[in-house]
ModelCIF file with pLDDT and N, C-alpha, C, O atoms, coordinates in Angstrom:
data_MODEL
#
_entry.id   MODEL 
#
_entity.id                         1 
_entity.type                       polymer 
_entity.pdbx_number_of_molecules   1 
#
_entity_poly.entity_id                      1 
_entity_poly.type                           'polypeptide(L)' 
_entity_poly.nstd_linkage                   no 
_entity_poly.nstd_monomer                   no 
_entity_poly.pdbx_seq_one_letter_code       PPETLATTAPGVFAVGDIRAGSMKRVAAA 
_entity_poly.pdbx_seq_one_letter_code_can   PPETLATTAPGVFAVGDIRAGSMKRVAAA 
_entity_poly.pdbx_strand_id                 A 
#
loop_
_entity_poly_seq.entity_id 
_entity_poly_seq.num 
_entity_poly_seq.mon_id 
_entity_poly_seq.hetero 
1 1  PRO n 
1 2  PRO n 
1 3  GLU n 
1 4  THR n 
1 5  LEU n 
1 6  ALA n 
1 7  THR n 
1 8  THR n 
1 9  ALA n 
1 10 PRO n 
1 11 GLY n 
1 12 VAL n 
1 13 PHE n 
1 14 ALA n 
1 15 VAL n 
1 16 GLY n 
1 17 ASP n 
1 18 ILE n 
1 19 ARG n 
1 20 ALA n 
1 21 GLY n 
1 22 SER n 
1 23 MET n 
1 24 LYS n 
1 25 ARG n 
1 26 VAL n 
1 27 ALA n 
1 28 ALA n 
1 29 ALA n 
#
_struct_asym.id          A 
_struct_asym.entity_id   1 
#
loop_
_ma_qa_metric.id 
_ma_qa_metric.mode 
_ma_qa_metric.name 
_ma_qa_metric.software_group_id 
_ma_qa_metric.type 
1 global pLDDT . pLDDT 
2 local  pLDDT . pLDDT 
#
_ma_qa_metric_global.metric_id      1 
_ma_qa_metric_global.metric_value   92.59 
_ma_qa_metric_global.model_id       1 
_ma_qa_metric_global.ordinal_id     1 
#
loop_
_ma_qa_metric_local.label_asym_id 
_ma_qa_metric_local.label_comp_id 
_ma_qa_metric_local.label_seq_id 
_ma_qa_metric_local.metric_id 
_ma_qa_metric_local.metric_value 
_ma_qa_metric_local.model_id 
_ma_qa_metric_local.ordinal_id 
A PRO 1  2 81.00 1 1  
A PRO 2  2 84.00 1 2  
A GLU 3  2 88.00 1 3  
A THR 4  2 92.00 1 4  
A LEU 5  2 96.00 1 5  
A ALA 6  2 94.00 1 6  
A THR 7  2 94.00 1 7  
A THR 8  2 91.00 1 8  
A ALA 9  2 92.00 1 9  
A PRO 10 2 91.00 1 10 
A GLY 11 2 94.00 1 11 
A VAL 12 2 96.00 1 12 
A PHE 13 2 97.00 1 13 
A ALA 14 2 98.00 1 14 
A VAL 15 2 97.00 1 15 
A GLY 16 2 96.00 1 16 
A ASP 17 2 95.00 1 17 
A ILE 18 2 96.00 1 18 
A ARG 19 2 96.00 1 19 
A ALA 20 2 95.00 1 20 
A GLY 21 2 92.00 1 21 
A SER 22 2 92.00 1 22 
A MET 23 2 90.00 1 23 
A LYS 24 2 84.00 1 24 
A ARG 25 2 88.00 1 25 
A VAL 26 2 93.00 1 26 
A ALA 27 2 93.00 1 27 
A ALA 28 2 95.00 1 28 
A ALA 29 2 95.00 1 29 
#
loop_
_atom_site.group_PDB 
_atom_site.id 
_atom_site.type_symbol 
_atom_site.label_atom_id 
_atom_site.label_alt_id 
_atom_site.label_comp_id 
_atom_site.label_asym_id 
_atom_site.label_entity_id 
_atom_site.label_seq_id 
_atom_site.pdbx_PDB_ins_code 
_atom_site.Cartn_x 
_atom_site.Cartn_y 
_atom_site.Cartn_z 
_atom_site.occupancy 
_atom_site.B_iso_or_equiv 
_atom_site.pdbx_formal_charge 
_atom_site.auth_seq_id 
_atom_site.auth_comp_id 
_atom_site.auth_asym_id 
_atom_site.auth_atom_id 
_atom_site.pdbx_PDB_model_num 
ATOM 1   N N  . PRO A 1 1  ? -10.055 10.951  1.525  1.00 81.00 ? 1  PRO A N  1 
ATOM 2   C CA . PRO A 1 1  ? -8.816  10.090  1.953  1.00 81.00 ? 1  PRO A CA 1 
ATOM 3   C C  . PRO A 1 1  ? -7.910  9.807   0.821  1.00 81.00 ? 1  PRO A C  1 
ATOM 4   O O  . PRO A 1 1  ? -8.497  9.583   -0.238 1.00 81.00 ? 1  PRO A O  1 
ATOM 5   N N  . PRO A 1 2  ? -6.794  9.769   0.796  1.00 84.00 ? 2  PRO A N  1 
ATOM 6   C CA . PRO A 1 2  ? -5.864  9.157   -0.329 1.00 84.00 ? 2  PRO A CA 1 
ATOM 7   C C  . PRO A 1 2  ? -6.500  8.116   -1.035 1.00 84.00 ? 2  PRO A C  1 
ATOM 8   O O  . PRO A 1 2  ? -7.456  7.542   -0.513 1.00 84.00 ? 2  PRO A O  1 
ATOM 9   N N  . GLU A 1 3  ? -6.084  7.791   -2.183 1.00 88.00 ? 3  GLU A N  1 
ATOM 10  C CA . GLU A 1 3  ? -6.585  6.578   -2.934 1.00 88.00 ? 3  GLU A CA 1 
ATOM 11  C C  . GLU A 1 3  ? -5.996  5.374   -2.208 1.00 88.00 ? 3  GLU A C  1 
ATOM 12  O O  . GLU A 1 3  ? -5.107  5.472   -1.362 1.00 88.00 ? 3  GLU A O  1 
ATOM 13  N N  . THR A 1 4  ? -6.550  4.242   -2.597 1.00 92.00 ? 4  THR A N  1 
ATOM 14  C CA . THR A 1 4  ? -6.384  3.029   -1.938 1.00 92.00 ? 4  THR A CA 1 
ATOM 15  C C  . THR A 1 4  ? -4.907  2.787   -1.443 1.00 92.00 ? 4  THR A C  1 
ATOM 16  O O  . THR A 1 4  ? -4.643  2.611   -0.254 1.00 92.00 ? 4  THR A O  1 
ATOM 17  N N  . LEU A 1 5  ? -3.859  2.792   -2.563 1.00 96.00 ? 5  LEU A N  1 
ATOM 18  C CA . LEU A 1 5  ? -2.562  2.509   -2.210 1.00 96.00 ? 5  LEU A CA 1 
ATOM 19  C C  . LEU A 1 5  ? -1.639  3.789   -2.103 1.00 96.00 ? 5  LEU A C  1 
ATOM 20  O O  . LEU A 1 5  ? -0.409  3.730   -2.104 1.00 96.00 ? 5  LEU A O  1 
ATOM 21  N N  . ALA A 1 6  ? -2.351  4.911   -2.015 1.00 94.00 ? 6  ALA A N  1 
ATOM 22  C CA . ALA A 1 6  ? -1.583  6.311   -1.868 1.00 94.00 ? 6  ALA A CA 1 
ATOM 23  C C  . ALA A 1 6  ? -1.363  6.490   -0.485 1.00 94.00 ? 6  ALA A C  1 
ATOM 24  O O  . ALA A 1 6  ? -2.186  6.129   0.357  1.00 94.00 ? 6  ALA A O  1 
ATOM 25  N N  . THR A 1 7  ? -0.117  7.118   -0.170 1.00 94.00 ? 7  THR A N  1 
ATOM 26  C CA . THR A 1 7  ? 0.356   7.499   1.027  1.00 94.00 ? 7  THR A CA 1 
ATOM 27  C C  . THR A 1 7  ? -0.251  8.919   1.510  1.00 94.00 ? 7  THR A C  1 
ATOM 28  O O  . THR A 1 7  ? -1.156  9.482   0.895  1.00 94.00 ? 7  THR A O  1 
ATOM 29  N N  . THR A 1 8  ? 0.274   9.367   2.532  1.00 91.00 ? 8  THR A N  1 
ATOM 30  C CA . THR A 1 8  ? 0.062   10.863  2.982  1.00 91.00 ? 8  THR A CA 1 
ATOM 31  C C  . THR A 1 8  ? 0.930   11.906  2.269  1.00 91.00 ? 8  THR A C  1 
ATOM 32  O O  . THR A 1 8  ? 0.775   13.126  2.324  1.00 91.00 ? 8  THR A O  1 
ATOM 33  N N  . ALA A 1 9  ? 1.869   11.232  1.588  1.00 92.00 ? 9  ALA A N  1 
ATOM 34  C CA . ALA A 1 9  ? 2.742   12.243  0.590  1.00 92.00 ? 9  ALA A CA 1 
ATOM 35  C C  . ALA A 1 9  ? 2.253   12.139  -0.824 1.00 92.00 ? 9  ALA A C  1 
ATOM 36  O O  . ALA A 1 9  ? 2.427   11.088  -1.440 1.00 92.00 ? 9  ALA A O  1 
ATOM 37  N N  . PRO A 1 10 ? 1.696   13.088  -1.336 1.00 91.00 ? 10 PRO A N  1 
ATOM 38  C CA . PRO A 1 10 ? 1.133   13.057  -2.746 1.00 91.00 ? 10 PRO A CA 1 
ATOM 39  C C  . PRO A 1 10 ? 2.054   12.566  -3.734 1.00 91.00 ? 10 PRO A C  1 
ATOM 40  O O  . PRO A 1 10 ? 3.159   13.106  -3.770 1.00 91.00 ? 10 PRO A O  1 
ATOM 41  N N  . GLY A 1 11 ? 1.765   11.514  -4.653 1.00 94.00 ? 11 GLY A N  1 
ATOM 42  C CA . GLY A 1 11 ? 2.571   11.042  -5.559 1.00 94.00 ? 11 GLY A CA 1 
ATOM 43  C C  . GLY A 1 11 ? 3.473   9.951   -4.984 1.00 94.00 ? 11 GLY A C  1 
ATOM 44  O O  . GLY A 1 11 ? 4.214   9.368   -5.775 1.00 94.00 ? 11 GLY A O  1 
ATOM 45  N N  . VAL A 1 12 ? 3.489   9.633   -3.771 1.00 96.00 ? 12 VAL A N  1 
ATOM 46  C CA . VAL A 1 12 ? 4.192   8.455   -3.272 1.00 96.00 ? 12 VAL A CA 1 
ATOM 47  C C  . VAL A 1 12 ? 3.118   7.425   -2.845 1.00 96.00 ? 12 VAL A C  1 
ATOM 48  O O  . VAL A 1 12 ? 2.134   7.768   -2.190 1.00 96.00 ? 12 VAL A O  1 
ATOM 49  N N  . PHE A 1 13 ? 3.339   6.166   -3.234 1.00 97.00 ? 13 PHE A N  1 
ATOM 50  C CA . PHE A 1 13 ? 2.554   5.068   -3.028 1.00 97.00 ? 13 PHE A CA 1 
ATOM 51  C C  . PHE A 1 13 ? 3.152   3.940   -2.259 1.00 97.00 ? 13 PHE A C  1 
ATOM 52  O O  . PHE A 1 13 ? 4.379   3.894   -2.167 1.00 97.00 ? 13 PHE A O  1 
ATOM 53  N N  . ALA A 1 14 ? 2.431   3.048   -1.710 1.00 98.00 ? 14 ALA A N  1 
ATOM 54  C CA . ALA A 1 14 ? 2.939   1.985   -0.938 1.00 98.00 ? 14 ALA A CA 1 
ATOM 55  C C  . ALA A 1 14 ? 2.190   0.620   -1.367 1.00 98.00 ? 14 ALA A C  1 
ATOM 56  O O  . ALA A 1 14 ? 0.970   0.596   -1.532 1.00 98.00 ? 14 ALA A O  1 
ATOM 57  N N  . VAL A 1 15 ? 2.917   -0.379  -1.515 1.00 97.00 ? 15 VAL A N  1 
ATOM 58  C CA . VAL A 1 15 ? 2.280   -1.740  -1.994 1.00 97.00 ? 15 VAL A CA 1 
ATOM 59  C C  . VAL A 1 15 ? 3.114   -2.871  -1.273 1.00 97.00 ? 15 VAL A C  1 
ATOM 60  O O  . VAL A 1 15 ? 4.279   -2.721  -0.906 1.00 97.00 ? 15 VAL A O  1 
ATOM 61  N N  . GLY A 1 16 ? 2.430   -3.928  -1.129 1.00 96.00 ? 16 GLY A N  1 
ATOM 62  C CA . GLY A 1 16 ? 3.159   -5.189  -0.647 1.00 96.00 ? 16 GLY A CA 1 
ATOM 63  C C  . GLY A 1 16 ? 3.049   -5.319  0.914  1.00 96.00 ? 16 GLY A C  1 
ATOM 64  O O  . GLY A 1 16 ? 2.133   -4.825  1.571  1.00 96.00 ? 16 GLY A O  1 
ATOM 65  N N  . ASP A 1 17 ? 4.090   -6.041  1.424  1.00 95.00 ? 17 ASP A N  1 
ATOM 66  C CA . ASP A 1 17 ? 4.093   -6.132  2.886  1.00 95.00 ? 17 ASP A CA 1 
ATOM 67  C C  . ASP A 1 17 ? 4.357   -4.941  3.717  1.00 95.00 ? 17 ASP A C  1 
ATOM 68  O O  . ASP A 1 17 ? 4.035   -4.904  4.905  1.00 95.00 ? 17 ASP A O  1 
ATOM 69  N N  . ILE A 1 18 ? 4.980   -3.901  3.062  1.00 96.00 ? 18 ILE A N  1 
ATOM 70  C CA . ILE A 1 18 ? 5.545   -2.751  3.914  1.00 96.00 ? 18 ILE A CA 1 
ATOM 71  C C  . ILE A 1 18 ? 3.986   -1.819  4.120  1.00 96.00 ? 18 ILE A C  1 
ATOM 72  O O  . ILE A 1 18 ? 3.959   -0.805  4.819  1.00 96.00 ? 18 ILE A O  1 
ATOM 73  N N  . ARG A 1 19 ? 2.848   -2.310  3.453  1.00 96.00 ? 19 ARG A N  1 
ATOM 74  C CA . ARG A 1 19 ? 1.872   -1.476  3.566  1.00 96.00 ? 19 ARG A CA 1 
ATOM 75  C C  . ARG A 1 19 ? 0.906   -2.004  4.750  1.00 96.00 ? 19 ARG A C  1 
ATOM 76  O O  . ARG A 1 19 ? 0.523   -3.174  4.736  1.00 96.00 ? 19 ARG A O  1 
ATOM 77  N N  . ALA A 1 20 ? 0.563   -1.203  5.668  1.00 95.00 ? 20 ALA A N  1 
ATOM 78  C CA . ALA A 1 20 ? -0.359  -1.404  6.742  1.00 95.00 ? 20 ALA A CA 1 
ATOM 79  C C  . ALA A 1 20 ? -1.507  -2.101  6.332  1.00 95.00 ? 20 ALA A C  1 
ATOM 80  O O  . ALA A 1 20 ? -2.187  -1.571  5.453  1.00 95.00 ? 20 ALA A O  1 
ATOM 81  N N  . GLY A 1 21 ? -1.908  -3.329  6.855  1.00 92.00 ? 21 GLY A N  1 
ATOM 82  C CA . GLY A 1 21 ? -3.137  -4.095  6.597  1.00 92.00 ? 21 GLY A CA 1 
ATOM 83  C C  . GLY A 1 21 ? -3.117  -4.953  5.374  1.00 92.00 ? 21 GLY A C  1 
ATOM 84  O O  . GLY A 1 21 ? -4.090  -5.575  4.946  1.00 92.00 ? 21 GLY A O  1 
ATOM 85  N N  . SER A 1 22 ? -1.938  -4.929  4.858  1.00 92.00 ? 22 SER A N  1 
ATOM 86  C CA . SER A 1 22 ? -1.805  -5.770  3.497  1.00 92.00 ? 22 SER A CA 1 
ATOM 87  C C  . SER A 1 22 ? -1.888  -7.289  3.967  1.00 92.00 ? 22 SER A C  1 
ATOM 88  O O  . SER A 1 22 ? -1.629  -7.642  5.118  1.00 92.00 ? 22 SER A O  1 
ATOM 89  N N  . MET A 1 23 ? -2.247  -8.074  3.032  1.00 90.00 ? 23 MET A N  1 
ATOM 90  C CA . MET A 1 23 ? -2.128  -9.565  3.241  1.00 90.00 ? 23 MET A CA 1 
ATOM 91  C C  . MET A 1 23 ? -0.782  -10.060 2.715  1.00 90.00 ? 23 MET A C  1 
ATOM 92  O O  . MET A 1 23 ? -0.363  -9.902  1.569  1.00 90.00 ? 23 MET A O  1 
ATOM 93  N N  . LYS A 1 24 ? -0.131  -10.721 3.784  1.00 84.00 ? 24 LYS A N  1 
ATOM 94  C CA . LYS A 1 24 ? 1.272   -11.113 3.528  1.00 84.00 ? 24 LYS A CA 1 
ATOM 95  C C  . LYS A 1 24 ? 1.385   -12.403 2.764  1.00 84.00 ? 24 LYS A C  1 
ATOM 96  O O  . LYS A 1 24 ? 1.795   -13.433 3.299  1.00 84.00 ? 24 LYS A O  1 
ATOM 97  N N  . ARG A 1 25 ? 0.995   -12.329 1.438  1.00 88.00 ? 25 ARG A N  1 
ATOM 98  C CA . ARG A 1 25 ? 1.077   -13.284 0.502  1.00 88.00 ? 25 ARG A CA 1 
ATOM 99  C C  . ARG A 1 25 ? 1.775   -12.923 -0.755 1.00 88.00 ? 25 ARG A C  1 
ATOM 100 O O  . ARG A 1 25 ? 1.648   -11.745 -1.088 1.00 88.00 ? 25 ARG A O  1 
ATOM 101 N N  . VAL A 1 26 ? 2.529   -13.733 -1.569 1.00 93.00 ? 26 VAL A N  1 
ATOM 102 C CA . VAL A 1 26 ? 3.201   -13.403 -2.665 1.00 93.00 ? 26 VAL A CA 1 
ATOM 103 C C  . VAL A 1 26 ? 1.995   -12.825 -3.774 1.00 93.00 ? 26 VAL A C  1 
ATOM 104 O O  . VAL A 1 26 ? 2.136   -11.759 -4.374 1.00 93.00 ? 26 VAL A O  1 
ATOM 105 N N  . ALA A 1 27 ? 1.041   -13.534 -3.900 1.00 93.00 ? 27 ALA A N  1 
ATOM 106 C CA . ALA A 1 27 ? 0.020   -13.170 -4.947 1.00 93.00 ? 27 ALA A CA 1 
ATOM 107 C C  . ALA A 1 27 ? -0.552  -11.977 -4.569 1.00 93.00 ? 27 ALA A C  1 
ATOM 108 O O  . ALA A 1 27 ? -0.705  -11.157 -5.476 1.00 93.00 ? 27 ALA A O  1 
ATOM 109 N N  . ALA A 1 28 ? -0.972  -11.615 -3.263 1.00 95.00 ? 28 ALA A N  1 
ATOM 110 C CA . ALA A 1 28 ? -1.595  -10.394 -2.891 1.00 95.00 ? 28 ALA A CA 1 
ATOM 111 C C  . ALA A 1 28 ? -0.562  -9.315  -3.186 1.00 95.00 ? 28 ALA A C  1 
ATOM 112 O O  . ALA A 1 28 ? -0.941  -8.337  -3.830 1.00 95.00 ? 28 ALA A O  1 
ATOM 113 N N  . ALA A 1 29 ? 0.663   -9.388  -2.796 1.00 95.00 ? 29 ALA A N  1 
ATOM 114 C CA . ALA A 1 29 ? 1.749   -8.399  -3.061 1.00 95.00 ? 29 ALA A CA 1 
ATOM 115 C C  . ALA A 1 29 ? 1.774   -8.002  -4.578 1.00 95.00 ? 29 ALA A C  1 
ATOM 116 O O  . ALA A 1 29 ? 2.605   -7.193  -4.991 1.00 95.00 ? 29 ALA A O  1 
#
């Protein structure tokens, strides 16, 4: 599987509220 914050496009990552399953809190983001 891609690494924890990696998307299905190699070299493209997703963080914060836009990421599925993320905790919607400022500190978590």
